[in-house]
Amino acid sequence: MATQNQNQNPRSSNAAAVELPQPLPTLEPEAVVEQLRAMRGQIQEVTPLSRAERDLLRRRAKASNEVLQASINMIGQHDQVSLAVAQPAEGVRRLFEDANRWSAVEDELRMMLQGVAGANLVRRERVALVATQAYNIGTQLARDPANAMLRPQLEEIKRLKRVTRRRKSGEPAPAPSSVTSVNPKP
């Protein structure tokens, strides 16, 4: 009877359901791009730089946190230094803190990018594996005259592979007689 009462009490079953953590919905790639673009619009300073500009700024910014902090303290200690650099110590301190806080964002974005790139690489590898299996199975099936309709597609795949190899190596395409396939033609 106690089991029957628990089943009939909607509050007890709802309370248990509410306590379970719900998985977050997964996002489609287009939704991620849309959200990233919206976030980029909300960030005050997003400055695309060329490689040369980044390298130059990295060389100029190369200083330890201790040196930067000591220099900021010097700005605050003497008005002449503050006037000479045209910056109050508090403004430079805020800029220093902002740079440190945004470096955490940079690290998170870098980790996220590496994770997305890794997952996409795994997807591409899976597709390549299935494509290779399909090609090998098609090659075997095409040996049977009943499956002759596969031959034009297999020839097209072979041609595309030759073109791809030619582009990657920078060498001219191999002569047709030197082309070897995984399985001989029927």
Protein backbone atom coordinates (compact mmCIF):
# COMPACT_ATOMS: atom_id res chain seq x y z
CA MET A 1 0.00 0.00 0.00
CA ALA A 2 2.91 2.33 0.70
CA THR A 3 4.15 1.76 -2.86
CA GLN A 4 0.72 2.60 -4.21
CA ASN A 5 0.62 5.88 -2.24
CA GLN A 6 4.08 6.87 -3.49
CA ASN A 7 3.06 6.22 -7.08
CA GLN A 8 -0.09 8.29 -6.68
CA ASN A 9 1.67 11.23 -5.01
CA PRO A 10 2.82 13.45 -7.88
CA ARG A 11 4.86 15.70 -5.54
CA SER A 12 7.27 12.94 -4.52
CA SER A 13 7.98 11.89 -8.13
CA ASN A 14 8.37 15.51 -9.29
CA ALA A 15 10.77 16.29 -6.46
CA ALA A 16 12.95 13.34 -7.41
CA ALA A 17 12.93 14.37 -11.08
CA VAL A 18 13.88 17.95 -10.24
CA GLU A 19 16.89 16.84 -8.21
CA LEU A 20 18.47 14.96 -11.12
CA PRO A 21 20.92 17.12 -13.05
CA GLN A 22 19.78 17.64 -16.61
CA PRO A 23 22.39 17.35 -19.36
CA LEU A 24 23.09 20.53 -21.27
CA PRO A 25 21.77 20.53 -24.81
CA THR A 26 24.46 20.05 -27.43
CA LEU A 27 24.87 22.86 -29.91
CA GLU A 28 24.99 22.58 -33.66
CA PRO A 29 28.10 24.13 -35.27
CA GLU A 30 26.09 26.99 -36.77
CA ALA A 31 24.71 27.90 -33.34
CA VAL A 32 28.23 27.93 -31.88
CA VAL A 33 29.43 30.24 -34.66
CA GLU A 34 26.46 32.53 -34.05
CA GLN A 35 27.13 32.68 -30.31
CA LEU A 36 30.86 33.29 -30.83
CA ARG A 37 30.11 36.17 -33.20
CA ALA A 38 27.65 37.63 -30.70
CA MET A 39 30.27 37.38 -27.92
CA ARG A 40 32.91 38.96 -30.16
CA GLY A 41 30.54 41.91 -30.63
CA GLN A 42 30.25 42.30 -26.86
CA ILE A 43 33.99 42.38 -26.25
CA GLN A 44 35.35 45.92 -26.32
CA GLU A 45 38.73 45.24 -27.83
CA VAL A 46 39.18 42.54 -30.44
CA THR A 47 42.24 43.47 -32.46
CA PRO A 48 43.22 41.25 -35.37
CA LEU A 49 46.98 41.50 -35.93
CA SER A 50 49.29 40.23 -38.62
CA ARG A 51 51.98 37.74 -37.66
CA ALA A 52 54.64 40.47 -37.90
CA GLU A 53 52.61 42.79 -35.66
CA ARG A 54 52.09 40.02 -33.06
CA ASP A 55 55.79 39.17 -33.06
CA LEU A 56 56.77 42.83 -32.64
CA LEU A 57 54.30 43.37 -29.79
CA ARG A 58 55.45 40.18 -28.04
CA ARG A 59 59.07 41.37 -28.14
CA ARG A 60 58.08 44.80 -26.78
CA ALA A 61 55.88 43.34 -24.04
CA LYS A 62 58.52 40.89 -22.82
CA ALA A 63 58.90 41.80 -19.17
CA SER A 64 58.26 39.83 -16.00
CA ASN A 65 55.26 40.61 -13.83
CA GLU A 66 57.66 41.71 -11.08
CA VAL A 67 59.34 44.28 -13.36
CA LEU A 68 55.98 45.56 -14.56
CA GLN A 69 54.66 45.87 -11.00
CA ALA A 70 57.81 47.67 -9.81
CA SER A 71 57.57 50.09 -12.74
CA ILE A 72 53.90 50.81 -11.96
CA ASN A 73 54.89 51.47 -8.33
CA MET A 74 57.52 53.94 -9.53
CA ILE A 75 54.83 55.81 -11.51
CA GLY A 76 52.79 56.08 -8.31
CA GLN A 77 55.75 57.22 -6.20
CA HIS A 78 56.75 60.26 -8.20
CA ASP A 79 54.55 62.77 -10.00
CA GLN A 80 57.30 63.56 -12.51
CA VAL A 81 57.30 59.92 -13.72
CA SER A 82 53.51 59.91 -13.99
CA LEU A 83 53.59 63.15 -15.99
CA ALA A 84 56.39 61.89 -18.23
CA VAL A 85 54.49 58.71 -19.21
CA ALA A 86 51.18 60.64 -19.28
CA GLN A 87 49.50 57.91 -17.26
CA PRO A 88 48.43 57.76 -13.62
CA ALA A 89 49.59 54.71 -11.70
CA GLU A 90 46.01 53.55 -11.12
CA GLY A 91 45.24 53.57 -14.84
CA VAL A 92 48.35 51.51 -15.62
CA ARG A 93 47.54 49.17 -12.72
CA ARG A 94 44.02 48.64 -14.16
CA LEU A 95 45.51 47.96 -17.60
CA PHE A 96 47.90 45.41 -16.03
CA GLU A 97 45.04 43.69 -14.18
CA ASP A 98 42.89 43.65 -17.33
CA ALA A 99 45.72 42.04 -19.30
CA ASN A 100 46.02 39.32 -16.65
CA ARG A 101 42.26 38.74 -16.52
CA TRP A 102 41.97 38.55 -20.31
CA SER A 103 44.86 36.10 -20.48
CA ALA A 104 42.57 33.66 -18.62
CA VAL A 105 39.98 34.15 -21.39
CA GLU A 106 42.71 33.62 -24.00
CA ASP A 107 43.75 30.37 -22.32
CA GLU A 108 40.15 29.09 -22.18
CA LEU A 109 39.55 29.96 -25.83
CA ARG A 110 42.81 28.26 -26.83
CA MET A 111 41.82 25.10 -24.93
CA MET A 112 38.36 25.22 -26.48
CA LEU A 113 39.82 25.65 -29.96
CA GLN A 114 42.21 22.73 -29.42
CA GLY A 115 39.32 20.58 -28.19
CA VAL A 116 37.08 21.48 -31.14
CA ALA A 117 39.96 20.96 -33.59
CA GLY A 118 40.76 17.58 -32.02
CA ALA A 119 37.13 16.45 -32.15
CA ASN A 120 36.89 17.55 -35.79
CA LEU A 121 40.09 15.67 -36.62
CA VAL A 122 38.56 12.52 -35.10
CA ARG A 123 35.42 13.09 -37.22
CA ARG A 124 37.51 13.49 -40.38
CA GLU A 125 39.46 10.32 -39.56
CA ARG A 126 36.20 8.40 -39.08
CA VAL A 127 34.91 9.65 -42.44
CA ALA A 128 38.22 8.72 -44.11
CA LEU A 129 38.05 5.23 -42.59
CA VAL A 130 34.49 4.67 -43.82
CA ALA A 131 35.41 6.09 -47.25
CA THR A 132 38.38 3.72 -47.50
CA GLN A 133 36.20 0.80 -46.48
CA ALA A 134 33.56 1.81 -49.05
CA TYR A 135 36.21 2.04 -51.76
CA ASN A 136 37.68 -1.35 -50.89
CA ILE A 137 34.25 -3.00 -50.74
CA GLY A 138 33.24 -1.32 -54.01
CA THR A 139 36.44 -2.57 -55.63
CA GLN A 140 35.66 -6.12 -54.55
CA LEU A 141 32.03 -5.88 -55.67
CA ALA A 142 32.99 -4.39 -59.05
CA ARG A 143 34.82 -7.61 -59.91
CA ASP A 144 31.42 -9.18 -60.40
CA PRO A 145 29.90 -8.13 -63.77
CA ALA A 146 26.55 -7.73 -62.02
CA ASN A 147 28.03 -4.73 -60.16
CA ALA A 148 29.61 -3.06 -63.19
CA MET A 149 27.74 0.17 -62.37
CA LEU A 150 30.33 0.75 -59.59
CA ARG A 151 33.28 0.92 -62.00
CA PRO A 152 32.80 4.53 -63.17
CA GLN A 153 32.67 5.72 -59.55
CA LEU A 154 35.79 3.70 -58.67
CA GLU A 155 37.63 5.18 -61.67
CA GLU A 156 36.61 8.68 -60.57
CA ILE A 157 37.90 8.03 -57.05
CA LYS A 158 41.21 6.78 -58.49
CA ARG A 159 41.47 9.90 -60.65
CA LEU A 160 40.76 12.18 -57.68
CA LYS A 161 43.37 10.36 -55.59
CA ARG A 162 45.98 10.91 -58.33
CA VAL A 163 45.11 14.60 -58.53
CA THR A 164 45.37 14.93 -54.75
CA ARG A 165 48.74 13.17 -54.64
CA ARG A 166 50.00 15.39 -57.45
CA ARG A 167 49.02 18.55 -55.55
CA LYS A 168 50.57 17.41 -52.28
CA SER A 169 53.89 16.26 -53.68
CA GLY A 170 54.27 18.98 -56.31
CA GLU A 171 55.42 16.33 -58.75
CA PRO A 172 53.77 15.49 -62.05
CA ALA A 173 51.13 12.77 -62.04
CA PRO A 174 52.48 9.23 -62.36
CA ALA A 175 52.10 7.50 -65.70
CA PRO A 176 48.99 5.32 -65.93
CA SER A 177 51.07 2.14 -66.10
CA SER A 178 52.76 2.91 -62.77
CA VAL A 179 49.48 3.41 -60.92
CA THR A 180 48.86 0.57 -58.52
CA SER A 181 45.56 -0.13 -56.88
CA VAL A 182 44.78 -1.99 -53.71
CA ASN A 183 42.93 -4.70 -55.65
CA PRO A 184 43.56 -5.58 -59.30
CA LYS A 185 40.87 -4.81 -61.86
CA PRO A 186 38.58 -7.66 -62.93
